[in-house]
Amino acid sequence: MSGEFPVYSYMYTLRQFRRINCVKDEEIDDFVNSVAGKNLSIRDLDLLAHGYFKGGEEFREQIKSGKVLWGLKRMKETVPKQPIARNWNVGCCGISKPPEIHAANHL
């Protein structure tokens, strides 16, 4: 692999595709090599990964050919703007809450 790729994105974004969707290691490597070193945020990498592994072949080919900004623009146009809920705990009432709010309620 050349370039830099955030460990957080590798561990938490890409691992879910390998574990749940049975994506092959070669496909993960192709994605990482296509987007590494492009100074993308973790949120942008998350969007691109979802498009790459769950989208169509056209999207995947565009990313592989270096059109990362095209893919990112396309994902931002199609994905609703809302925060990505990560590591939320189910609260006492069965409602998901961010960890800091859940913890504050149990002090």
Protein backbone atom coordinates (compact mmCIF):
# COMPACT_ATOMS: atom_id res chain seq x y z
CA MET A 1 0.00 0.00 0.00
CA SER A 2 1.18 3.48 -0.78
CA GLY A 3 0.09 6.66 0.99
CA GLU A 4 -1.62 7.04 4.30
CA PHE A 5 -4.93 5.62 5.45
CA PRO A 6 -6.38 6.26 8.93
CA VAL A 7 -6.30 3.25 11.21
CA TYR A 8 -9.71 4.23 12.62
CA SER A 9 -11.30 3.97 9.16
CA TYR A 10 -9.63 0.65 8.52
CA MET A 11 -10.70 -0.82 11.86
CA TYR A 12 -14.23 0.51 12.12
CA THR A 13 -15.43 1.27 8.59
CA LEU A 14 -13.77 -1.40 6.47
CA ARG A 15 -13.93 -4.20 9.02
CA GLN A 16 -17.74 -4.21 8.89
CA PHE A 17 -17.67 -4.96 5.16
CA ARG A 18 -15.21 -7.80 5.63
CA ARG A 19 -17.13 -9.30 8.54
CA ILE A 20 -20.76 -8.78 7.54
CA ASN A 21 -20.65 -8.59 3.76
CA CYS A 22 -17.83 -11.09 3.19
CA VAL A 23 -15.78 -8.65 1.12
CA LYS A 24 -12.47 -10.19 0.07
CA ASP A 25 -9.14 -8.84 1.29
CA GLU A 26 -8.17 -7.94 -2.27
CA GLU A 27 -11.24 -5.71 -2.59
CA ILE A 28 -10.37 -3.96 0.68
CA ASP A 29 -6.79 -3.45 -0.55
CA ASP A 30 -8.05 -2.05 -3.87
CA PHE A 31 -10.23 0.48 -2.03
CA VAL A 32 -7.46 1.51 0.38
CA ASN A 33 -4.96 1.93 -2.45
CA SER A 34 -7.46 4.04 -4.40
CA VAL A 35 -8.19 6.53 -1.60
CA ALA A 36 -5.02 6.48 0.54
CA GLY A 37 -2.97 9.65 0.74
CA LYS A 38 -5.77 11.90 -0.53
CA ASN A 39 -6.26 13.75 2.80
CA LEU A 40 -9.87 12.61 3.13
CA SER A 41 -11.73 12.89 6.42
CA ILE A 42 -12.96 9.80 8.22
CA ARG A 43 -16.53 10.78 7.35
CA ASP A 44 -15.59 11.07 3.65
CA LEU A 45 -13.86 7.68 3.75
CA ASP A 46 -16.96 6.20 5.37
CA LEU A 47 -19.18 7.58 2.60
CA LEU A 48 -16.84 6.37 -0.13
CA ALA A 49 -16.56 2.91 1.42
CA HIS A 50 -20.33 2.50 1.50
CA GLY A 51 -20.58 3.54 -2.14
CA TYR A 52 -17.66 1.34 -3.14
CA PHE A 53 -18.81 -1.86 -1.41
CA LYS A 54 -22.59 -1.45 -1.56
CA GLY A 55 -22.93 0.57 -4.76
CA GLY A 56 -22.71 -0.50 -8.34
CA GLU A 57 -19.78 -1.50 -10.47
CA GLU A 58 -19.71 1.94 -12.16
CA PHE A 59 -19.03 3.64 -8.83
CA ARG A 60 -16.31 1.14 -7.96
CA GLU A 61 -14.59 1.60 -11.32
CA GLN A 62 -14.64 5.40 -10.99
CA ILE A 63 -12.91 5.19 -7.59
CA LYS A 64 -10.34 2.68 -8.89
CA SER A 65 -9.55 4.98 -11.82
CA GLY A 66 -8.75 7.84 -9.43
CA LYS A 67 -12.01 9.81 -9.60
CA VAL A 68 -12.34 9.93 -5.82
CA LEU A 69 -13.74 13.46 -5.73
CA TRP A 70 -16.39 12.48 -8.28
CA GLY A 71 -17.43 9.59 -6.04
CA LEU A 72 -17.46 11.75 -2.95
CA LYS A 73 -19.60 14.39 -4.65
CA ARG A 74 -22.02 11.75 -5.84
CA MET A 75 -22.34 10.21 -2.39
CA LYS A 76 -22.89 13.58 -0.73
CA GLU A 77 -25.66 14.34 -3.23
CA THR A 78 -27.49 11.07 -2.55
CA VAL A 79 -26.95 10.52 1.19
CA PRO A 80 -29.22 12.53 3.51
CA LYS A 81 -27.36 15.00 5.71
CA GLN A 82 -27.56 13.60 9.19
CA PRO A 83 -24.96 12.66 11.76
CA ILE A 84 -23.52 9.17 11.59
CA ALA A 85 -24.49 7.38 14.80
CA ARG A 86 -21.55 5.39 16.09
CA ASN A 87 -21.02 3.64 19.38
CA TRP A 88 -24.35 4.75 20.78
CA ASN A 89 -25.77 2.87 23.70
CA VAL A 90 -29.41 2.00 24.09
CA GLY A 91 -30.69 4.06 26.98
CA CYS A 92 -32.91 2.93 29.80
CA CYS A 93 -36.02 3.74 27.76
CA GLY A 94 -34.78 1.87 24.70
CA ILE A 95 -33.76 5.11 22.96
CA SER A 96 -30.30 5.35 21.48
CA LYS A 97 -28.17 8.02 23.08
CA PRO A 98 -24.60 9.19 22.50
CA PRO A 99 -22.19 7.62 25.04
CA GLU A 100 -21.58 10.91 26.85
CA ILE A 101 -25.32 11.52 27.40
CA HIS A 102 -25.93 7.91 28.43
CA ALA A 103 -23.05 8.09 30.93
CA ALA A 104 -24.23 11.46 32.29
CA ASN A 105 -27.64 9.98 33.08
CA HIS A 106 -26.01 7.33 35.25
CA LEU A 107 -23.76 9.47 37.44
